[in-house]
Amino acid sequence: MVLSDLCDEAGIQPSQYYRWQKALFENGEAALSDKRGQKACDRQIAELEAKLATKNEVMSELLEAHVALKKSLGVS
């Protein structure tokens, strides 16, 4: 089927079709991207980074306590 026939069926001019096609090719990725999904991923990354920071702090405190205990017992 010819493009002009499709445009006639849809009630649009072929020039309008080509403008839409150009806009899609230039901005298609942005138009089709899932911004909500990206925001959810960003939020999850922030939560996981916060958990990791907390775990690192706890590990540091435990290591300090372990070293202090070893020193008090005279173990090297």
PDB file of N, CA and C in Angstrom:
ATOM      1  N   MET A   1       0.843  -1.174   0.000  1.00  0.00           N
ATOM      2  CA  MET A   1       0.000   0.000   0.000  1.00  0.00           C
ATOM      3  C   MET A   1       0.893   1.242   0.000  1.00  0.00           C
ATOM      4  N   VAL A   2       0.458   2.232  -0.692  1.00  0.00           N
ATOM      5  CA  VAL A   2       1.208   3.473  -0.857  1.00  0.00           C
ATOM      6  C   VAL A   2       0.913   4.404   0.329  1.00  0.00           C
ATOM      7  N   LEU A   3       1.927   5.163   0.727  1.00  0.00           N
ATOM      8  CA  LEU A   3       1.793   6.069   1.865  1.00  0.00           C
ATOM      9  C   LEU A   3       0.665   7.075   1.653  1.00  0.00           C
ATOM     10  N   SER A   4       0.542   7.582   0.460  1.00  0.00           N
ATOM     11  CA  SER A   4      -0.509   8.574   0.203  1.00  0.00           C
ATOM     12  C   SER A   4      -1.895   7.969   0.424  1.00  0.00           C
ATOM     13  N   ASP A   5      -2.072   6.685   0.093  1.00  0.00           N
ATOM     14  CA  ASP A   5      -3.356   6.021   0.340  1.00  0.00           C
ATOM     15  C   ASP A   5      -3.618   5.891   1.842  1.00  0.00           C
ATOM     16  N   LEU A   6      -2.585   5.542   2.598  1.00  0.00           N
ATOM     17  CA  LEU A   6      -2.733   5.439   4.051  1.00  0.00           C
ATOM     18  C   LEU A   6      -3.089   6.787   4.664  1.00  0.00           C
ATOM     19  N   CYS A   7      -2.430   7.835   4.181  1.00  0.00           N
ATOM     20  CA  CYS A   7      -2.713   9.181   4.691  1.00  0.00           C
ATOM     21  C   CYS A   7      -4.140   9.590   4.350  1.00  0.00           C
ATOM     22  N   ASP A   8      -4.609   9.248   3.147  1.00  0.00           N
ATOM     23  CA  ASP A   8      -5.993   9.549   2.771  1.00  0.00           C
ATOM     24  C   ASP A   8      -6.968   8.836   3.706  1.00  0.00           C
ATOM     25  N   GLU A   9      -6.691   7.569   4.018  1.00  0.00           N
ATOM     26  CA  GLU A   9      -7.558   6.812   4.926  1.00  0.00           C
ATOM     27  C   GLU A   9      -7.584   7.448   6.314  1.00  0.00           C
ATOM     28  N   ALA A  10      -6.434   7.945   6.759  1.00  0.00           N
ATOM     29  CA  ALA A  10      -6.338   8.547   8.089  1.00  0.00           C
ATOM     30  C   ALA A  10      -6.798   9.997   8.100  1.00  0.00           C
ATOM     31  N   GLY A  11      -6.973  10.581   6.936  1.00  0.00           N
ATOM     32  CA  GLY A  11      -7.425  11.961   6.854  1.00  0.00           C
ATOM     33  C   GLY A  11      -6.341  12.977   7.157  1.00  0.00           C
ATOM     34  N   ILE A  12      -5.092  12.639   6.838  1.00  0.00           N
ATOM     35  CA  ILE A  12      -3.982  13.570   7.058  1.00  0.00           C
ATOM     36  C   ILE A  12      -3.218  13.771   5.762  1.00  0.00           C
ATOM     37  N   GLN A  13      -2.465  14.837   5.708  1.00  0.00           N
ATOM     38  CA  GLN A  13      -1.621  15.109   4.552  1.00  0.00           C
ATOM     39  C   GLN A  13      -0.312  14.335   4.697  1.00  0.00           C
ATOM     40  N   PRO A  14       0.268  13.874   3.594  1.00  0.00           N
ATOM     41  CA  PRO A  14       1.566  13.197   3.676  1.00  0.00           C
ATOM     42  C   PRO A  14       2.634  14.069   4.339  1.00  0.00           C
ATOM     43  N   SER A  15       2.562  15.386   4.134  1.00  0.00           N
ATOM     44  CA  SER A  15       3.551  16.271   4.761  1.00  0.00           C
ATOM     45  C   SER A  15       3.443  16.207   6.288  1.00  0.00           C
ATOM     46  N   GLN A  16       2.206  16.071   6.803  1.00  0.00           N
ATOM     47  CA  GLN A  16       2.019  15.938   8.251  1.00  0.00           C
ATOM     48  C   GLN A  16       2.638  14.633   8.735  1.00  0.00           C
ATOM     49  N   TYR A  17       2.442  13.576   7.973  1.00  0.00           N
ATOM     50  CA  TYR A  17       3.042  12.282   8.323  1.00  0.00           C
ATOM     51  C   TYR A  17       4.555  12.415   8.417  1.00  0.00           C
ATOM     52  N   TYR A  18       5.166  13.081   7.446  1.00  0.00           N
ATOM     53  CA  TYR A  18       6.626  13.210   7.444  1.00  0.00           C
ATOM     54  C   TYR A  18       7.117  14.082   8.604  1.00  0.00           C
ATOM     55  N   ARG A  19       6.334  15.100   8.999  1.00  0.00           N
ATOM     56  CA  ARG A  19       6.706  15.899  10.172  1.00  0.00           C
ATOM     57  C   ARG A  19       6.668  15.040  11.433  1.00  0.00           C
ATOM     58  N   TRP A  20       5.631  14.222  11.549  1.00  0.00           N
ATOM     59  CA  TRP A  20       5.535  13.331  12.705  1.00  0.00           C
ATOM     60  C   TRP A  20       6.681  12.326  12.711  1.00  0.00           C
ATOM     61  N   GLN A  21       7.000  11.799  11.549  1.00  0.00           N
ATOM     62  CA  GLN A  21       8.086  10.831  11.438  1.00  0.00           C
ATOM     63  C   GLN A  21       9.411  11.471  11.854  1.00  0.00           C
ATOM     64  N   LYS A  22       9.648  12.689  11.387  1.00  0.00           N
ATOM     65  CA  LYS A  22      10.882  13.389  11.738  1.00  0.00           C
ATOM     66  C   LYS A  22      10.950  13.627  13.249  1.00  0.00           C
ATOM     67  N   ALA A  23       9.838  14.070  13.835  1.00  0.00           N
ATOM     68  CA  ALA A  23       9.800  14.314  15.280  1.00  0.00           C
ATOM     69  C   ALA A  23      10.047  13.025  16.058  1.00  0.00           C
ATOM     70  N   LEU A  24       9.486  11.929  15.580  1.00  0.00           N
ATOM     71  CA  LEU A  24       9.699  10.649  16.253  1.00  0.00           C
ATOM     72  C   LEU A  24      11.155  10.235  16.180  1.00  0.00           C
ATOM     73  N   PHE A  25      11.764  10.363  15.027  1.00  0.00           N
ATOM     74  CA  PHE A  25      13.160   9.961  14.881  1.00  0.00           C
ATOM     75  C   PHE A  25      14.092  10.852  15.698  1.00  0.00           C
ATOM     76  N   GLU A  26      13.761  12.129  15.817  1.00  0.00           N
ATOM     77  CA  GLU A  26      14.615  13.047  16.568  1.00  0.00           C
ATOM     78  C   GLU A  26      14.424  12.916  18.080  1.00  0.00           C
ATOM     79  N   ASN A  27      13.200  12.632  18.516  1.00  0.00           N
ATOM     80  CA  ASN A  27      12.894  12.627  19.951  1.00  0.00           C
ATOM     81  C   ASN A  27      12.246  11.334  20.420  1.00  0.00           C
ATOM     82  N   GLY A  28      12.346  10.304  19.637  1.00  0.00           N
ATOM     83  CA  GLY A  28      11.646   9.062  19.947  1.00  0.00           C
ATOM     84  C   GLY A  28      12.056   8.445  21.261  1.00  0.00           C
ATOM     85  N   GLU A  29      13.339   8.448  21.556  1.00  0.00           N
ATOM     86  CA  GLU A  29      13.804   7.823  22.796  1.00  0.00           C
ATOM     87  C   GLU A  29      13.205   8.526  24.010  1.00  0.00           C
ATOM     88  N   ALA A  30      13.191   9.840  23.981  1.00  0.00           N
ATOM     89  CA  ALA A  30      12.636  10.589  25.109  1.00  0.00           C
ATOM     90  C   ALA A  30      11.129  10.361  25.223  1.00  0.00           C
ATOM     91  N   ALA A  31      10.452  10.288  24.087  1.00  0.00           N
ATOM     92  CA  ALA A  31       9.006  10.091  24.108  1.00  0.00           C
ATOM     93  C   ALA A  31       8.633   8.707  24.604  1.00  0.00           C
ATOM     94  N   LEU A  32       9.468   7.741  24.315  1.00  0.00           N
ATOM     95  CA  LEU A  32       9.151   6.363  24.676  1.00  0.00           C
ATOM     96  C   LEU A  32       9.798   5.917  25.976  1.00  0.00           C
ATOM     97  N   SER A  33      10.603   6.773  26.596  1.00  0.00           N
ATOM     98  CA  SER A  33      11.280   6.368  27.828  1.00  0.00           C
ATOM     99  C   SER A  33      10.288   6.321  28.981  1.00  0.00           C
ATOM    100  N   ASP A  34      10.572   5.465  29.932  1.00  0.00           N
ATOM    101  CA  ASP A  34       9.717   5.299  31.100  1.00  0.00           C
ATOM    102  C   ASP A  34      10.310   6.117  32.240  1.00  0.00           C
ATOM    103  N   LYS A  35       9.860   7.352  32.375  1.00  0.00           N
ATOM    104  CA  LYS A  35      10.419   8.252  33.382  1.00  0.00           C
ATOM    105  C   LYS A  35      10.062   7.802  34.792  1.00  0.00           C
ATOM    106  N   ARG A  36       8.877   7.213  34.954  1.00  0.00           N
ATOM    107  CA  ARG A  36       8.506   6.721  36.282  1.00  0.00           C
ATOM    108  C   ARG A  36       9.432   5.592  36.695  1.00  0.00           C
ATOM    109  N   GLY A  37       9.757   4.726  35.763  1.00  0.00           N
ATOM    110  CA  GLY A  37      10.669   3.627  36.056  1.00  0.00           C
ATOM    111  C   GLY A  37      12.042   4.136  36.445  1.00  0.00           C
ATOM    112  N   GLN A  38      12.495   5.182  35.783  1.00  0.00           N
ATOM    113  CA  GLN A  38      13.801   5.764  36.103  1.00  0.00           C
ATOM    114  C   GLN A  38      13.781   6.379  37.493  1.00  0.00           C
ATOM    115  N   LYS A  39      12.684   7.062  37.831  1.00  0.00           N
ATOM    116  CA  LYS A  39      12.580   7.656  39.165  1.00  0.00           C
ATOM    117  C   LYS A  39      12.574   6.570  40.230  1.00  0.00           C
ATOM    118  N   ALA A  40      11.887   5.469  39.957  1.00  0.00           N
ATOM    119  CA  ALA A  40      11.856   4.358  40.914  1.00  0.00           C
ATOM    120  C   ALA A  40      13.248   3.770  41.087  1.00  0.00           C
ATOM    121  N   CYS A  41      13.982   3.637  39.989  1.00  0.00           N
ATOM    122  CA  CYS A  41      15.358   3.120  40.069  1.00  0.00           C
ATOM    123  C   CYS A  41      16.239   4.076  40.858  1.00  0.00           C
ATOM    124  N   ASP A  42      16.105   5.363  40.601  1.00  0.00           N
ATOM    125  CA  ASP A  42      16.904   6.356  41.331  1.00  0.00           C
ATOM    126  C   ASP A  42      16.600   6.301  42.827  1.00  0.00           C
ATOM    127  N   ARG A  43      15.312   6.155  43.163  1.00  0.00           N
ATOM    128  CA  ARG A  43      14.919   6.075  44.569  1.00  0.00           C
ATOM    129  C   ARG A  43      15.496   4.811  45.206  1.00  0.00           C
ATOM    130  N   GLN A  44      15.425   3.701  44.493  1.00  0.00           N
ATOM    131  CA  GLN A  44      15.957   2.449  45.032  1.00  0.00           C
ATOM    132  C   GLN A  44      17.472   2.534  45.214  1.00  0.00           C
ATOM    133  N   ILE A  45      18.158   3.152  44.274  1.00  0.00           N
ATOM    134  CA  ILE A  45      19.613   3.324  44.394  1.00  0.00           C
ATOM    135  C   ILE A  45      19.939   4.152  45.630  1.00  0.00           C
ATOM    136  N   ALA A  46      19.198   5.232  45.848  1.00  0.00           N
ATOM    137  CA  ALA A  46      19.438   6.081  47.023  1.00  0.00           C
ATOM    138  C   ALA A  46      19.206   5.301  48.317  1.00  0.00           C
ATOM    139  N   GLU A  47      18.145   4.489  48.351  1.00  0.00           N
ATOM    140  CA  GLU A  47      17.869   3.687  49.543  1.00  0.00           C
ATOM    141  C   GLU A  47      18.988   2.678  49.792  1.00  0.00           C
ATOM    142  N   LEU A  48      19.435   2.017  48.739  1.00  0.00           N
ATOM    143  CA  LEU A  48      20.497   1.021  48.889  1.00  0.00           C
ATOM    144  C   LEU A  48      21.820   1.663  49.303  1.00  0.00           C
ATOM    145  N   GLU A  49      22.102   2.850  48.774  1.00  0.00           N
ATOM    146  CA  GLU A  49      23.322   3.554  49.170  1.00  0.00           C
ATOM    147  C   GLU A  49      23.261   3.942  50.646  1.00  0.00           C
ATOM    148  N   ALA A  50      22.080   4.345  51.114  1.00  0.00           N
ATOM    149  CA  ALA A  50      21.923   4.694  52.532  1.00  0.00           C
ATOM    150  C   ALA A  50      22.119   3.461  53.412  1.00  0.00           C
ATOM    151  N   LYS A  51      21.559   2.331  52.993  1.00  0.00           N
ATOM    152  CA  LYS A  51      21.753   1.087  53.757  1.00  0.00           C
ATOM    153  C   LYS A  51      23.219   0.693  53.789  1.00  0.00           C
ATOM    154  N   LEU A  52      23.888   0.838  52.662  1.00  0.00           N
ATOM    155  CA  LEU A  52      25.308   0.493  52.591  1.00  0.00           C
ATOM    156  C   LEU A  52      26.130   1.390  53.517  1.00  0.00           C
ATOM    157  N   ALA A  53      25.811   2.671  53.550  1.00  0.00           N
ATOM    158  CA  ALA A  53      26.528   3.595  54.432  1.00  0.00           C
ATOM    159  C   ALA A  53      26.321   3.204  55.895  1.00  0.00           C
ATOM    160  N   THR A  54      25.091   2.834  56.249  1.00  0.00           N
ATOM    161  CA  THR A  54      24.806   2.402  57.622  1.00  0.00           C
ATOM    162  C   THR A  54      25.589   1.144  57.966  1.00  0.00           C
ATOM    163  N   LYS A  55      25.608   0.195  57.057  1.00  0.00           N
ATOM    164  CA  LYS A  55      26.359  -1.043  57.299  1.00  0.00           C
ATOM    165  C   LYS A  55      27.847  -0.758  57.450  1.00  0.00           C
ATOM    166  N   ASN A  56      28.369   0.151  56.642  1.00  0.00           N
ATOM    167  CA  ASN A  56      29.789   0.510  56.753  1.00  0.00           C
ATOM    168  C   ASN A  56      30.097   1.130  58.114  1.00  0.00           C
ATOM    169  N   GLU A  57      29.190   1.978  58.601  1.00  0.00           N
ATOM    170  CA  GLU A  57      29.384   2.585  59.918  1.00  0.00           C
ATOM    171  C   GLU A  57      29.382   1.521  61.012  1.00  0.00           C
ATOM    172  N   VAL A  58      28.445   0.584  60.935  1.00  0.00           N
ATOM    173  CA  VAL A  58      28.362  -0.485  61.935  1.00  0.00           C
ATOM    174  C   VAL A  58      29.616  -1.343  61.887  1.00  0.00           C
ATOM    175  N   MET A  59      30.066  -1.680  60.688  1.00  0.00           N
ATOM    176  CA  MET A  59      31.289  -2.481  60.544  1.00  0.00           C
ATOM    177  C   MET A  59      32.483  -1.756  61.158  1.00  0.00           C
ATOM    178  N   SER A  60      32.571  -0.462  60.940  1.00  0.00           N
ATOM    179  CA  SER A  60      33.668   0.325  61.491  1.00  0.00           C
ATOM    180  C   SER A  60      33.633   0.315  63.017  1.00  0.00           C
ATOM    181  N   GLU A  61      32.442   0.499  63.588  1.00  0.00           N
ATOM    182  CA  GLU A  61      32.308   0.480  65.045  1.00  0.00           C
ATOM    183  C   GLU A  61      32.669  -0.891  65.614  1.00  0.00           C
ATOM    184  N   LEU A  62      32.219  -1.956  64.956  1.00  0.00           N
ATOM    185  CA  LEU A  62      32.541  -3.304  65.427  1.00  0.00           C
ATOM    186  C   LEU A  62      34.037  -3.579  65.342  1.00  0.00           C
ATOM    187  N   LEU A  63      34.666  -3.122  64.276  1.00  0.00           N
ATOM    188  CA  LEU A  63      36.105  -3.325  64.123  1.00  0.00           C
ATOM    189  C   LEU A  63      36.874  -2.565  65.205  1.00  0.00           C
ATOM    190  N   GLU A  64      36.443  -1.342  65.497  1.00  0.00           N
ATOM    191  CA  GLU A  64      37.079  -0.572  66.571  1.00  0.00           C
ATOM    192  C   GLU A  64      36.932  -1.288  67.908  1.00  0.00           C
ATOM    193  N   ALA A  65      35.749  -1.806  68.188  1.00  0.00           N
ATOM    194  CA  ALA A  65      35.524  -2.526  69.443  1.00  0.00           C
ATOM    195  C   ALA A  65      36.372  -3.792  69.492  1.00  0.00           C
ATOM    196  N   HIS A  66      36.502  -4.470  68.374  1.00  0.00           N
ATOM    197  CA  HIS A  66      37.311  -5.689  68.297  1.00  0.00           C
ATOM    198  C   HIS A  66      38.785  -5.379  68.577  1.00  0.00           C
ATOM    199  N   VAL A  67      39.290  -4.321  67.962  1.00  0.00           N
ATOM    200  CA  VAL A  67      40.689  -3.930  68.171  1.00  0.00           C
ATOM    201  C   VAL A  67      40.907  -3.531  69.629  1.00  0.00           C
ATOM    202  N   ALA A  68      39.981  -2.783  70.204  1.00  0.00           N
ATOM    203  CA  ALA A  68      40.107  -2.368  71.605  1.00  0.00           C
ATOM    204  C   ALA A  68      40.099  -3.583  72.531  1.00  0.00           C
ATOM    205  N   LEU A  69      39.250  -4.556  72.253  1.00  0.00           N
ATOM    206  CA  LEU A  69      39.198  -5.768  73.067  1.00  0.00           C
ATOM    207  C   LEU A  69      40.495  -6.557  72.962  1.00  0.00           C
ATOM    208  N   LYS A  70      41.018  -6.675  71.744  1.00  0.00           N
ATOM    209  CA  LYS A  70      42.287  -7.386  71.562  1.00  0.00           C
ATOM    210  C   LYS A  70      43.408  -6.694  72.332  1.00  0.00           C
ATOM    211  N   LYS A  71      43.424  -5.361  72.309  1.00  0.00           N
ATOM    212  CA  LYS A  71      44.460  -4.617  73.040  1.00  0.00           C
ATOM    213  C   LYS A  71      44.321  -4.826  74.539  1.00  0.00           C
ATOM    214  N   SER A  72      43.087  -4.823  75.030  1.00  0.00           N
ATOM    215  CA  SER A  72      42.884  -4.993  76.477  1.00  0.00           C
ATOM    216  C   SER A  72      43.253  -6.403  76.938  1.00  0.00           C
ATOM    217  N   LEU A  73      43.147  -7.374  76.049  1.00  0.00           N
ATOM    218  CA  LEU A  73      43.517  -8.752  76.388  1.00  0.00           C
ATOM    219  C   LEU A  73      44.988  -9.026  76.119  1.00  0.00           C
ATOM    220  N   GLY A  74      45.660  -8.093  75.495  1.00  0.00           N
ATOM    221  CA  GLY A  74      47.074  -8.255  75.185  1.00  0.00           C
ATOM    222  C   GLY A  74      47.324  -9.166  74.001  1.00  0.00           C
ATOM    223  N   VAL A  75      46.320  -9.329  73.161  1.00  0.00           N
ATOM    224  CA  VAL A  75      46.458 -10.166  71.963  1.00  0.00           C
ATOM    225  C   VAL A  75      46.832  -9.258  70.801  1.00  0.00           C
ATOM    226  N   SER A  76      47.814  -9.723  70.002  1.00  0.00           N
ATOM    227  CA  SER A  76      48.216  -8.871  68.884  1.00  0.00           C
ATOM    228  C   SER A  76      47.619  -9.314  67.585  1.00  0.00           C
TER     229      SER A  76
END
